[in-house]
């Protein structure tokens, strides 16, 4: 049985249990694995190693334990919003140049150790919400810089890139503020379901070719 790994911050973590290692949490990894299992029953096992609060540097620090040692056949990565948010709230963020540097170092290590692992880079995103309104313009501009860096790295490493921001912007106009991302950062159930369906479009390409 092959392994699918979800990697990232609190958006990926989604309250997963640290005691139960098979816990996927209540977010898009759980929705996505359900969709994948329906299409490819019994072919994959699913692991979530997202950690709430993680920035790019935190993910890099655990690349050995939480990525390489798990030897995933497919891994998606969603990281970047805390690189911005932690700077705005705590003066402890990661600027865009270093975000790109740490992300590149992570990808280089994964590629070297796991050359056959298929990767998916997911675009970081933000919307207006109760936690983002006070500095939304700055927050949005900085997240867009991280998103551009993530896309550039995807192109550099020939990795599929999953755009999310523009689609969320469009969805935002159709529902009240907070419907998709409760606080402007963390998805609601509806937001997680949307992300899962977008994730599935890319995973299906891998899984169909993997058969």
N, C-alpha and C. Protein backbone atom coordinates (compact mmCIF):
# COMPACT_ATOMS: atom_id res chain seq x y z
N UNK A 1 0.84 -1.20 0.00
CA UNK A 1 0.00 0.00 0.00
C UNK A 1 0.88 1.25 0.00
N UNK A 2 0.56 2.18 -0.87
CA UNK A 2 1.35 3.40 -0.97
C UNK A 2 0.85 4.47 0.00
N UNK A 3 1.71 5.48 0.22
CA UNK A 3 1.46 6.47 1.27
C UNK A 3 1.26 7.86 0.70
N UNK A 4 0.22 8.52 1.19
CA UNK A 4 -0.06 9.92 0.87
C UNK A 4 0.16 10.73 2.13
N UNK A 5 0.93 11.80 2.03
CA UNK A 5 1.27 12.64 3.18
C UNK A 5 0.76 14.05 2.96
N UNK A 6 0.02 14.56 3.95
CA UNK A 6 -0.42 15.96 3.97
C UNK A 6 0.51 16.72 4.91
N UNK A 7 1.10 17.81 4.43
CA UNK A 7 2.07 18.53 5.24
C UNK A 7 1.75 20.02 5.25
N UNK A 8 1.95 20.65 6.42
CA UNK A 8 1.68 22.08 6.50
C UNK A 8 1.53 22.58 7.91
N UNK A 9 0.66 23.58 8.08
CA UNK A 9 0.46 24.26 9.36
C UNK A 9 -0.91 23.91 9.93
N UNK A 10 -1.54 24.85 10.64
CA UNK A 10 -2.82 24.56 11.29
C UNK A 10 -3.94 24.27 10.31
N UNK A 11 -3.86 24.82 9.11
CA UNK A 11 -4.90 24.56 8.11
C UNK A 11 -4.90 23.08 7.75
N UNK A 12 -3.72 22.48 7.71
CA UNK A 12 -3.59 21.05 7.45
C UNK A 12 -3.82 20.25 8.73
N UNK A 13 -3.24 20.71 9.82
CA UNK A 13 -3.36 20.04 11.13
C UNK A 13 -4.82 19.79 11.47
N UNK A 14 -5.61 20.87 11.47
CA UNK A 14 -7.07 20.78 11.66
C UNK A 14 -7.46 19.94 12.87
N UNK A 15 -6.69 20.09 13.96
CA UNK A 15 -7.05 19.42 15.21
C UNK A 15 -6.77 17.94 15.25
N UNK A 16 -5.84 17.46 14.45
CA UNK A 16 -5.55 16.02 14.46
C UNK A 16 -5.00 15.60 15.82
N UNK A 17 -5.25 14.35 16.18
CA UNK A 17 -4.76 13.80 17.44
C UNK A 17 -3.28 13.48 17.36
N UNK A 18 -2.53 13.86 18.39
CA UNK A 18 -1.11 13.50 18.44
C UNK A 18 -0.91 12.10 19.01
N UNK A 19 -1.92 11.58 19.69
CA UNK A 19 -1.83 10.24 20.26
C UNK A 19 -2.15 9.16 19.22
N UNK A 20 -3.05 9.45 18.33
CA UNK A 20 -3.45 8.51 17.28
C UNK A 20 -2.77 8.91 15.98
N UNK A 21 -1.73 8.21 15.60
CA UNK A 21 -0.91 8.63 14.47
C UNK A 21 -1.63 8.55 13.13
N UNK A 22 -2.74 7.84 13.09
CA UNK A 22 -3.50 7.77 11.85
C UNK A 22 -4.56 8.88 11.76
N UNK A 23 -4.62 9.74 12.78
CA UNK A 23 -5.62 10.80 12.79
C UNK A 23 -5.35 11.80 11.67
N UNK A 24 -6.40 12.14 10.95
CA UNK A 24 -6.28 13.11 9.85
C UNK A 24 -6.84 14.47 10.23
N UNK A 25 -7.41 14.59 11.43
CA UNK A 25 -8.01 15.85 11.84
C UNK A 25 -9.36 16.06 11.19
N UNK A 26 -9.87 17.27 11.34
CA UNK A 26 -11.21 17.56 10.83
C UNK A 26 -11.23 18.44 9.61
N UNK A 27 -10.10 18.55 8.91
CA UNK A 27 -10.01 19.46 7.79
C UNK A 27 -9.89 18.80 6.43
N UNK A 28 -9.28 19.53 5.51
CA UNK A 28 -9.22 19.05 4.13
C UNK A 28 -8.51 17.71 3.96
N UNK A 29 -7.49 17.35 4.80
CA UNK A 29 -6.92 16.01 4.63
C UNK A 29 -7.94 14.90 4.84
N UNK A 30 -8.85 15.10 5.78
CA UNK A 30 -9.88 14.10 6.02
C UNK A 30 -10.86 14.03 4.85
N UNK A 31 -11.31 15.20 4.39
CA UNK A 31 -12.21 15.24 3.22
C UNK A 31 -11.52 14.65 1.99
N UNK A 32 -10.27 15.06 1.78
CA UNK A 32 -9.55 14.62 0.58
C UNK A 32 -9.30 13.12 0.59
N UNK A 33 -8.92 12.58 1.74
CA UNK A 33 -8.67 11.14 1.81
C UNK A 33 -9.95 10.36 1.56
N UNK A 34 -11.07 10.91 2.00
CA UNK A 34 -12.35 10.26 1.72
C UNK A 34 -12.66 10.22 0.24
N UNK A 35 -12.40 11.33 -0.44
CA UNK A 35 -12.60 11.37 -1.89
C UNK A 35 -11.66 10.40 -2.60
N UNK A 36 -10.40 10.39 -2.16
CA UNK A 36 -9.41 9.52 -2.79
C UNK A 36 -9.73 8.05 -2.55
N UNK A 37 -10.16 7.74 -1.35
CA UNK A 37 -10.47 6.35 -1.02
C UNK A 37 -11.67 5.86 -1.82
N UNK A 38 -12.60 6.74 -2.08
CA UNK A 38 -13.77 6.36 -2.88
C UNK A 38 -13.35 6.00 -4.31
N UNK A 39 -12.38 6.75 -4.84
CA UNK A 39 -11.92 6.50 -6.21
C UNK A 39 -10.88 5.40 -6.31
N UNK A 40 -10.10 5.23 -5.24
CA UNK A 40 -9.00 4.26 -5.25
C UNK A 40 -9.03 3.44 -3.96
N UNK A 41 -10.08 2.67 -3.76
CA UNK A 41 -10.26 1.96 -2.47
C UNK A 41 -9.11 1.01 -2.16
N UNK A 42 -8.56 1.16 -0.96
CA UNK A 42 -7.54 0.25 -0.47
C UNK A 42 -6.17 0.40 -1.09
N UNK A 43 -5.97 1.42 -1.94
CA UNK A 43 -4.69 1.56 -2.63
C UNK A 43 -3.69 2.43 -1.87
N UNK A 44 -4.20 3.28 -0.97
CA UNK A 44 -3.32 4.23 -0.28
C UNK A 44 -3.64 4.29 1.21
N UNK A 45 -2.62 4.62 1.98
CA UNK A 45 -2.84 5.03 3.36
C UNK A 45 -2.53 6.51 3.45
N UNK A 46 -3.18 7.20 4.38
CA UNK A 46 -3.13 8.65 4.43
C UNK A 46 -2.59 9.11 5.78
N UNK A 47 -1.61 10.00 5.74
CA UNK A 47 -0.96 10.50 6.95
C UNK A 47 -1.01 12.03 6.94
N UNK A 48 -1.35 12.60 8.08
CA UNK A 48 -1.36 14.05 8.26
C UNK A 48 -0.27 14.42 9.27
N UNK A 49 0.69 15.25 8.84
CA UNK A 49 1.71 15.73 9.76
C UNK A 49 1.76 17.26 9.78
N UNK A 50 0.64 17.89 9.47
CA UNK A 50 0.55 19.33 9.65
C UNK A 50 0.64 19.68 11.12
N UNK A 51 1.30 20.79 11.43
CA UNK A 51 1.43 21.23 12.82
C UNK A 51 1.02 22.69 12.93
N UNK A 52 0.06 22.96 13.78
CA UNK A 52 -0.45 24.31 13.99
C UNK A 52 0.68 25.27 14.37
N UNK A 53 0.68 26.42 13.75
CA UNK A 53 1.68 27.44 14.04
C UNK A 53 2.93 27.37 13.22
N UNK A 54 3.07 26.33 12.43
CA UNK A 54 4.32 26.17 11.67
C UNK A 54 4.50 27.26 10.62
N UNK A 55 5.75 27.72 10.53
CA UNK A 55 6.23 28.57 9.44
C UNK A 55 7.13 27.71 8.55
N UNK A 56 7.59 28.28 7.48
CA UNK A 56 8.45 27.53 6.57
C UNK A 56 9.68 26.98 7.28
N UNK A 57 10.27 27.78 8.18
CA UNK A 57 11.47 27.33 8.88
C UNK A 57 11.18 26.16 9.81
N UNK A 58 9.97 26.12 10.37
CA UNK A 58 9.59 25.02 11.26
C UNK A 58 9.41 23.73 10.46
N UNK A 59 8.81 23.86 9.30
CA UNK A 59 8.63 22.68 8.45
C UNK A 59 9.99 22.15 7.99
N UNK A 60 10.89 23.05 7.63
CA UNK A 60 12.23 22.63 7.23
C UNK A 60 12.93 21.88 8.36
N UNK A 61 12.75 22.34 9.59
CA UNK A 61 13.43 21.73 10.73
C UNK A 61 12.99 20.29 10.97
N UNK A 62 11.80 19.93 10.50
CA UNK A 62 11.32 18.56 10.73
C UNK A 62 11.21 17.75 9.44
N UNK A 63 11.96 18.16 8.43
CA UNK A 63 11.89 17.47 7.14
C UNK A 63 12.32 16.02 7.25
N UNK A 64 13.27 15.71 8.09
CA UNK A 64 13.74 14.33 8.23
C UNK A 64 12.69 13.46 8.92
N UNK A 65 12.23 13.92 10.09
CA UNK A 65 11.32 13.10 10.90
C UNK A 65 9.93 12.98 10.29
N UNK A 66 9.42 14.07 9.72
CA UNK A 66 8.02 14.11 9.32
C UNK A 66 7.79 14.05 7.81
N UNK A 67 8.87 13.91 7.06
CA UNK A 67 8.71 13.72 5.62
C UNK A 67 9.58 12.56 5.13
N UNK A 68 10.88 12.74 5.21
CA UNK A 68 11.79 11.74 4.64
C UNK A 68 11.62 10.38 5.29
N UNK A 69 11.53 10.34 6.62
CA UNK A 69 11.41 9.05 7.31
C UNK A 69 10.09 8.35 7.01
N UNK A 70 9.08 9.10 6.59
CA UNK A 70 7.77 8.51 6.28
C UNK A 70 7.71 7.96 4.86
N UNK A 71 8.66 8.35 4.02
CA UNK A 71 8.77 7.84 2.65
C UNK A 71 7.44 7.88 1.89
N UNK A 72 6.81 9.04 1.80
CA UNK A 72 5.53 9.10 1.07
C UNK A 72 5.73 8.90 -0.42
N UNK A 73 4.71 8.34 -1.05
CA UNK A 73 4.70 8.24 -2.51
C UNK A 73 4.15 9.52 -3.13
N UNK A 74 3.29 10.20 -2.36
CA UNK A 74 2.71 11.47 -2.80
C UNK A 74 2.62 12.38 -1.59
N UNK A 75 3.05 13.63 -1.73
CA UNK A 75 2.96 14.58 -0.62
C UNK A 75 2.50 15.94 -1.13
N UNK A 76 1.54 16.52 -0.42
CA UNK A 76 1.13 17.90 -0.69
C UNK A 76 1.63 18.78 0.45
N UNK A 77 1.98 20.01 0.11
CA UNK A 77 2.52 20.96 1.08
C UNK A 77 1.72 22.25 0.99
N UNK A 78 1.25 22.73 2.14
CA UNK A 78 0.57 24.03 2.24
C UNK A 78 1.22 24.79 3.39
N UNK A 79 2.06 25.77 3.08
CA UNK A 79 2.79 26.51 4.11
C UNK A 79 2.98 27.95 3.64
N UNK A 80 2.95 28.88 4.57
CA UNK A 80 3.24 30.27 4.22
C UNK A 80 2.46 31.31 4.98
N UNK A 81 1.22 31.03 5.37
CA UNK A 81 0.42 32.08 6.00
C UNK A 81 1.00 32.48 7.35
N UNK A 82 1.57 31.55 8.10
CA UNK A 82 2.15 31.90 9.41
C UNK A 82 3.45 32.68 9.28
N UNK A 83 4.15 32.51 8.15
CA UNK A 83 5.34 33.33 7.91
C UNK A 83 4.97 34.81 7.93
N UNK A 84 3.75 35.10 7.51
CA UNK A 84 3.23 36.48 7.51
C UNK A 84 2.55 36.81 8.83
N UNK A 85 1.63 35.96 9.25
CA UNK A 85 0.79 36.23 10.42
C UNK A 85 1.63 36.40 11.68
N UNK A 86 2.63 35.56 11.85
CA UNK A 86 3.45 35.64 13.05
C UNK A 86 4.26 36.94 13.09
N UNK A 87 4.56 37.48 11.93
CA UNK A 87 5.25 38.78 11.90
C UNK A 87 4.30 39.90 12.30
N UNK A 88 3.09 39.86 11.77
CA UNK A 88 2.11 40.90 12.06
C UNK A 88 1.65 40.88 13.51
N UNK A 89 1.53 39.70 14.08
CA UNK A 89 1.00 39.56 15.44
C UNK A 89 2.10 39.50 16.51
N UNK A 90 3.26 38.89 16.16
CA UNK A 90 4.25 38.60 17.19
C UNK A 90 5.66 39.08 16.85
N UNK A 91 5.80 39.72 15.70
CA UNK A 91 7.13 40.13 15.24
C UNK A 91 8.08 38.95 15.17
N UNK A 92 7.56 37.80 14.73
CA UNK A 92 8.35 36.56 14.66
C UNK A 92 8.03 35.78 13.39
N UNK A 93 7.91 36.51 12.30
CA UNK A 93 7.60 35.86 11.04
C UNK A 93 8.84 35.53 10.24
N UNK A 94 8.63 35.16 9.00
CA UNK A 94 9.70 34.83 8.07
C UNK A 94 9.49 35.68 6.82
N UNK A 95 10.48 36.52 6.47
CA UNK A 95 10.31 37.37 5.30
C UNK A 95 10.30 36.53 4.03
N UNK A 96 9.88 37.15 2.95
CA UNK A 96 9.66 36.38 1.72
C UNK A 96 10.93 35.75 1.18
N UNK A 97 12.05 36.46 1.23
CA UNK A 97 13.30 35.89 0.72
C UNK A 97 13.69 34.64 1.50
N UNK A 98 13.54 34.70 2.80
CA UNK A 98 13.90 33.52 3.62
C UNK A 98 12.87 32.41 3.47
N UNK A 99 11.60 32.80 3.31
CA UNK A 99 10.57 31.79 3.02
C UNK A 99 10.95 30.99 1.79
N UNK A 100 11.35 31.68 0.75
CA UNK A 100 11.73 31.00 -0.49
C UNK A 100 12.98 30.16 -0.29
N UNK A 101 13.94 30.67 0.48
CA UNK A 101 15.16 29.93 0.76
C UNK A 101 14.86 28.64 1.52
N UNK A 102 14.07 28.74 2.61
CA UNK A 102 13.77 27.57 3.42
C UNK A 102 12.95 26.55 2.64
N UNK A 103 12.02 27.04 1.83
CA UNK A 103 11.19 26.16 1.02
C UNK A 103 12.06 25.42 0.00
N UNK A 104 12.98 26.15 -0.62
CA UNK A 104 13.86 25.52 -1.59
C UNK A 104 14.73 24.45 -0.92
N UNK A 105 15.27 24.76 0.26
CA UNK A 105 16.08 23.79 0.98
C UNK A 105 15.29 22.53 1.31
N UNK A 106 14.03 22.72 1.69
CA UNK A 106 13.17 21.57 1.98
C UNK A 106 12.98 20.72 0.73
N UNK A 107 12.65 21.36 -0.38
CA UNK A 107 12.42 20.61 -1.62
C UNK A 107 13.69 19.91 -2.08
N UNK A 108 14.82 20.56 -1.93
CA UNK A 108 16.08 19.92 -2.32
C UNK A 108 16.34 18.66 -1.50
N UNK A 109 16.09 18.74 -0.19
CA UNK A 109 16.33 17.58 0.66
C UNK A 109 15.37 16.45 0.33
N UNK A 110 14.11 16.79 0.09
CA UNK A 110 13.13 15.76 -0.25
C UNK A 110 13.48 15.11 -1.59
N UNK A 111 13.84 15.92 -2.57
CA UNK A 111 14.18 15.39 -3.87
C UNK A 111 15.41 14.48 -3.80
N UNK A 112 16.38 14.87 -2.99
CA UNK A 112 17.60 14.07 -2.86
C UNK A 112 17.31 12.73 -2.18
N UNK A 113 16.53 12.77 -1.10
CA UNK A 113 16.26 11.56 -0.33
C UNK A 113 15.17 10.70 -0.95
N UNK A 114 14.20 11.34 -1.59
CA UNK A 114 13.03 10.63 -2.11
C UNK A 114 12.77 11.05 -3.55
N UNK A 115 13.64 10.66 -4.46
CA UNK A 115 13.51 11.13 -5.85
C UNK A 115 12.24 10.68 -6.55
N UNK A 116 11.62 9.61 -6.08
CA UNK A 116 10.42 9.09 -6.73
C UNK A 116 9.12 9.63 -6.13
N UNK A 117 9.23 10.39 -5.04
CA UNK A 117 8.04 10.94 -4.40
C UNK A 117 7.45 12.05 -5.26
N UNK A 118 6.15 11.97 -5.56
CA UNK A 118 5.47 13.02 -6.29
C UNK A 118 5.00 14.09 -5.32
N UNK A 119 5.22 15.34 -5.67
CA UNK A 119 4.91 16.46 -4.79
C UNK A 119 3.83 17.34 -5.39
N UNK A 120 3.12 18.03 -4.50
CA UNK A 120 2.13 19.03 -4.89
C UNK A 120 2.31 20.23 -3.97
N UNK A 121 2.55 21.39 -4.55
CA UNK A 121 2.66 22.63 -3.79
C UNK A 121 1.33 23.36 -3.86
N UNK A 122 0.75 23.64 -2.70
CA UNK A 122 -0.53 24.32 -2.60
C UNK A 122 -0.31 25.80 -2.28
N UNK A 123 -1.10 26.64 -2.89
CA UNK A 123 -0.94 28.09 -2.74
C UNK A 123 -1.45 28.57 -1.38
N UNK A 124 -0.63 29.29 -0.61
CA UNK A 124 -1.14 29.91 0.62
C UNK A 124 -2.16 31.00 0.28
N UNK A 125 -3.07 31.27 1.21
CA UNK A 125 -4.19 32.17 0.92
C UNK A 125 -4.63 32.90 2.18
N UNK A 126 -5.42 33.95 1.99
CA UNK A 126 -6.01 34.70 3.11
C UNK A 126 -7.22 35.44 2.57
N UNK A 127 -8.23 35.61 3.42
CA UNK A 127 -9.40 36.42 3.10
C UNK A 127 -9.67 37.39 4.25
N UNK A 128 -10.56 38.32 4.02
CA UNK A 128 -10.99 39.20 5.10
C UNK A 128 -11.76 38.39 6.13
N UNK A 129 -11.42 38.60 7.41
CA UNK A 129 -12.08 37.89 8.50
C UNK A 129 -11.76 38.57 9.81
N UNK A 130 -12.31 38.06 10.88
CA UNK A 130 -12.17 38.74 12.17
C UNK A 130 -10.72 38.83 12.64
N UNK A 131 -9.87 37.92 12.20
CA UNK A 131 -8.47 37.94 12.61
C UNK A 131 -7.57 38.68 11.63
N UNK A 132 -8.09 39.06 10.49
CA UNK A 132 -7.24 39.66 9.46
C UNK A 132 -7.62 41.09 9.10
N UNK A 133 -8.80 41.54 9.50
CA UNK A 133 -9.28 42.84 9.06
C UNK A 133 -8.39 43.99 9.50
N UNK A 134 -7.81 43.93 10.70
CA UNK A 134 -7.07 45.07 11.23
C UNK A 134 -5.81 45.38 10.45
N UNK A 135 -5.30 44.38 9.73
CA UNK A 135 -4.12 44.63 8.89
C UNK A 135 -4.24 43.88 7.57
N UNK A 136 -5.44 43.88 7.01
CA UNK A 136 -5.69 43.01 5.87
C UNK A 136 -4.85 43.37 4.65
N UNK A 137 -4.73 44.65 4.34
CA UNK A 137 -3.99 45.02 3.13
C UNK A 137 -2.56 44.53 3.20
N UNK A 138 -1.90 44.72 4.33
CA UNK A 138 -0.53 44.24 4.52
C UNK A 138 -0.49 42.72 4.50
N UNK A 139 -1.42 42.09 5.20
CA UNK A 139 -1.50 40.63 5.27
C UNK A 139 -1.64 40.05 3.86
N UNK A 140 -2.57 40.57 3.10
CA UNK A 140 -2.84 40.06 1.76
C UNK A 140 -1.63 40.24 0.85
N UNK A 141 -1.03 41.41 0.91
CA UNK A 141 0.12 41.68 0.05
C UNK A 141 1.27 40.73 0.35
N UNK A 142 1.51 40.47 1.62
CA UNK A 142 2.61 39.59 2.00
C UNK A 142 2.31 38.13 1.68
N UNK A 143 1.08 37.70 1.86
CA UNK A 143 0.72 36.33 1.49
C UNK A 143 0.85 36.15 -0.01
N UNK A 144 0.49 37.16 -0.77
CA UNK A 144 0.64 37.08 -2.22
C UNK A 144 2.10 36.92 -2.62
N UNK A 145 3.01 37.56 -1.89
CA UNK A 145 4.44 37.37 -2.16
C UNK A 145 4.85 35.93 -1.89
N UNK A 146 4.37 35.35 -0.78
CA UNK A 146 4.70 33.95 -0.49
C UNK A 146 4.10 33.02 -1.54
N UNK A 147 2.90 33.33 -1.98
CA UNK A 147 2.25 32.52 -3.02
C UNK A 147 3.05 32.58 -4.32
N UNK A 148 3.53 33.76 -4.67
CA UNK A 148 4.34 33.88 -5.89
C UNK A 148 5.63 33.09 -5.76
N UNK A 149 6.24 33.13 -4.58
CA UNK A 149 7.48 32.35 -4.36
C UNK A 149 7.21 30.86 -4.45
N UNK A 150 6.10 30.42 -3.87
CA UNK A 150 5.74 29.00 -3.92
C UNK A 150 5.53 28.56 -5.37
N UNK A 151 4.87 29.40 -6.16
CA UNK A 151 4.64 29.07 -7.56
C UNK A 151 5.96 29.02 -8.34
N UNK A 152 6.85 29.96 -8.06
CA UNK A 152 8.16 29.97 -8.73
C UNK A 152 8.94 28.70 -8.41
N UNK A 153 8.88 28.26 -7.15
CA UNK A 153 9.58 27.04 -6.76
C UNK A 153 8.96 25.82 -7.43
N UNK A 154 7.63 25.82 -7.53
CA UNK A 154 6.97 24.72 -8.22
C UNK A 154 7.46 24.62 -9.67
N UNK A 155 7.58 25.75 -10.31
CA UNK A 155 8.07 25.76 -11.70
C UNK A 155 9.53 25.33 -11.75
N UNK A 156 10.33 25.82 -10.81
CA UNK A 156 11.76 25.49 -10.78
C UNK A 156 11.99 24.00 -10.60
N UNK A 157 11.19 23.38 -9.73
CA UNK A 157 11.37 21.96 -9.43
C UNK A 157 10.44 21.06 -10.25
N UNK A 158 9.70 21.66 -11.18
CA UNK A 158 8.76 20.90 -12.02
C UNK A 158 7.76 20.13 -11.17
N UNK A 159 7.13 20.87 -10.24
CA UNK A 159 6.14 20.31 -9.33
C UNK A 159 4.78 20.94 -9.65
N UNK A 160 3.70 20.19 -9.68
CA UNK A 160 2.38 20.80 -9.87
C UNK A 160 2.08 21.82 -8.78
N UNK A 161 1.43 22.91 -9.17
CA UNK A 161 1.06 23.99 -8.26
C UNK A 161 -0.45 24.10 -8.23
N UNK A 162 -1.01 24.11 -7.02
CA UNK A 162 -2.46 24.16 -6.87
C UNK A 162 -2.88 25.57 -6.46
N UNK A 163 -3.42 26.38 -7.39
CA UNK A 163 -3.87 27.73 -7.05
C UNK A 163 -5.17 27.69 -6.25
N UNK A 164 -5.25 28.54 -5.23
CA UNK A 164 -6.43 28.56 -4.38
C UNK A 164 -6.97 29.97 -4.15
N UNK A 165 -6.09 30.97 -4.12
CA UNK A 165 -6.51 32.32 -3.73
C UNK A 165 -7.59 32.90 -4.63
N UNK A 166 -7.39 32.86 -5.93
CA UNK A 166 -8.37 33.47 -6.83
C UNK A 166 -9.73 32.80 -6.74
N UNK A 167 -9.73 31.49 -6.57
CA UNK A 167 -11.00 30.78 -6.45
C UNK A 167 -11.69 31.12 -5.14
N UNK A 168 -10.90 31.27 -4.07
CA UNK A 168 -11.48 31.69 -2.79
C UNK A 168 -12.00 33.12 -2.87
N UNK A 169 -11.30 33.99 -3.59
CA UNK A 169 -11.78 35.36 -3.77
C UNK A 169 -13.15 35.36 -4.45
N UNK A 170 -13.30 34.51 -5.44
CA UNK A 170 -14.57 34.43 -6.16
C UNK A 170 -15.67 33.87 -5.25
N UNK A 171 -15.34 32.83 -4.51
CA UNK A 171 -16.32 32.27 -3.58
C UNK A 171 -16.71 33.27 -2.49
N UNK A 172 -15.75 34.09 -2.08
CA UNK A 172 -15.97 35.08 -1.02
C UNK A 172 -17.10 36.04 -1.38
N UNK A 173 -17.23 36.34 -2.67
CA UNK A 173 -18.26 37.30 -3.09
C UNK A 173 -19.66 36.70 -3.04
N UNK A 174 -19.74 35.38 -2.87
CA UNK A 174 -21.03 34.71 -2.94
C UNK A 174 -21.65 34.42 -1.57
N UNK A 175 -20.84 34.57 -0.52
CA UNK A 175 -21.32 34.24 0.83
C UNK A 175 -20.85 35.31 1.82
N UNK A 176 -21.41 35.33 3.03
CA UNK A 176 -20.98 36.31 4.02
C UNK A 176 -19.52 36.09 4.43
N UNK A 177 -18.90 37.15 4.92
CA UNK A 177 -17.54 37.05 5.42
C UNK A 177 -17.46 35.97 6.50
N UNK A 178 -16.47 35.12 6.41
CA UNK A 178 -16.31 34.06 7.39
C UNK A 178 -16.92 32.74 6.98
N UNK A 179 -17.65 32.71 5.87
CA UNK A 179 -18.29 31.47 5.46
C UNK A 179 -17.26 30.43 5.04
N UNK A 180 -16.25 30.85 4.28
CA UNK A 180 -15.25 29.90 3.78
C UNK A 180 -14.04 29.78 4.70
N UNK A 181 -13.56 30.91 5.19
CA UNK A 181 -12.46 30.94 6.17
C UNK A 181 -12.98 31.67 7.39
N UNK A 182 -13.20 30.93 8.46
CA UNK A 182 -13.91 31.48 9.60
C UNK A 182 -13.33 32.78 10.13
N UNK A 183 -12.02 32.82 10.28
CA UNK A 183 -11.37 34.02 10.81
C UNK A 183 -10.54 34.74 9.75
N UNK A 184 -10.66 34.31 8.52
CA UNK A 184 -9.87 34.88 7.44
C UNK A 184 -8.66 34.05 7.09
N UNK A 185 -8.33 33.09 7.95
CA UNK A 185 -7.18 32.19 7.73
C UNK A 185 -7.61 30.73 7.74
N UNK A 186 -8.32 30.34 8.78
CA UNK A 186 -8.66 28.93 8.98
C UNK A 186 -10.00 28.58 8.30
N UNK A 187 -9.99 27.59 7.44
CA UNK A 187 -11.22 27.23 6.73
C UNK A 187 -12.30 26.69 7.67
N UNK A 188 -13.52 26.97 7.30
CA UNK A 188 -14.68 26.30 7.89
C UNK A 188 -14.80 24.92 7.25
N UNK A 189 -15.80 24.17 7.66
CA UNK A 189 -16.03 22.87 7.02
C UNK A 189 -16.22 23.04 5.52
N UNK A 190 -16.96 24.09 5.14
CA UNK A 190 -17.19 24.34 3.72
C UNK A 190 -15.88 24.70 3.01
N UNK A 191 -15.04 25.47 3.69
CA UNK A 191 -13.76 25.82 3.11
C UNK A 191 -12.85 24.62 2.94
N UNK A 192 -12.81 23.78 3.95
CA UNK A 192 -12.00 22.57 3.87
C UNK A 192 -12.50 21.65 2.75
N UNK A 193 -13.80 21.57 2.61
CA UNK A 193 -14.35 20.71 1.55
C UNK A 193 -13.96 21.24 0.18
N UNK A 194 -14.01 22.55 0.02
CA UNK A 194 -13.57 23.16 -1.24
C UNK A 194 -12.12 22.81 -1.54
N UNK A 195 -11.24 22.98 -0.55
CA UNK A 195 -9.81 22.70 -0.74
C UNK A 195 -9.61 21.23 -1.09
N UNK A 196 -10.34 20.35 -0.43
CA UNK A 196 -10.21 18.92 -0.69
C UNK A 196 -10.55 18.58 -2.13
N UNK A 197 -11.59 19.18 -2.66
CA UNK A 197 -11.97 18.90 -4.05
C UNK A 197 -10.90 19.43 -5.01
N UNK A 198 -10.32 20.59 -4.69
CA UNK A 198 -9.24 21.11 -5.53
C UNK A 198 -8.01 20.20 -5.45
N UNK A 199 -7.69 19.74 -4.27
CA UNK A 199 -6.56 18.82 -4.06
C UNK A 199 -6.79 17.54 -4.86
N UNK A 200 -8.02 17.06 -4.87
CA UNK A 200 -8.33 15.80 -5.53
C UNK A 200 -8.10 15.88 -7.03
N UNK A 201 -8.30 17.05 -7.62
CA UNK A 201 -8.08 17.17 -9.06
C UNK A 201 -6.62 16.88 -9.41
N UNK A 202 -5.69 17.28 -8.54
CA UNK A 202 -4.27 17.02 -8.78
C UNK A 202 -3.88 15.61 -8.38
N UNK A 203 -4.43 15.13 -7.27
CA UNK A 203 -4.10 13.77 -6.84
C UNK A 203 -4.56 12.74 -7.86
N UNK A 204 -5.70 13.00 -8.48
CA UNK A 204 -6.23 12.05 -9.46
C UNK A 204 -5.25 11.86 -10.62
N UNK A 205 -4.57 12.92 -11.04
CA UNK A 205 -3.59 12.81 -12.12
C UNK A 205 -2.47 11.86 -11.72
N UNK A 206 -2.00 12.01 -10.47
CA UNK A 206 -0.96 11.12 -9.96
C UNK A 206 -1.46 9.68 -9.87
N UNK A 207 -2.62 9.50 -9.24
CA UNK A 207 -3.12 8.15 -8.98
C UNK A 207 -3.45 7.40 -10.26
N UNK A 208 -4.00 8.09 -11.24
CA UNK A 208 -4.33 7.43 -12.50
C UNK A 208 -3.07 6.98 -13.23
N UNK A 209 -2.03 7.79 -13.15
CA UNK A 209 -0.76 7.42 -13.77
C UNK A 209 -0.01 6.37 -12.97
N UNK A 210 -0.37 6.23 -11.70
CA UNK A 210 0.32 5.32 -10.80
C UNK A 210 -0.18 3.89 -10.94
N UNK A 211 -1.31 3.71 -11.57
CA UNK A 211 -1.90 2.38 -11.67
C UNK A 211 -1.19 1.49 -12.70
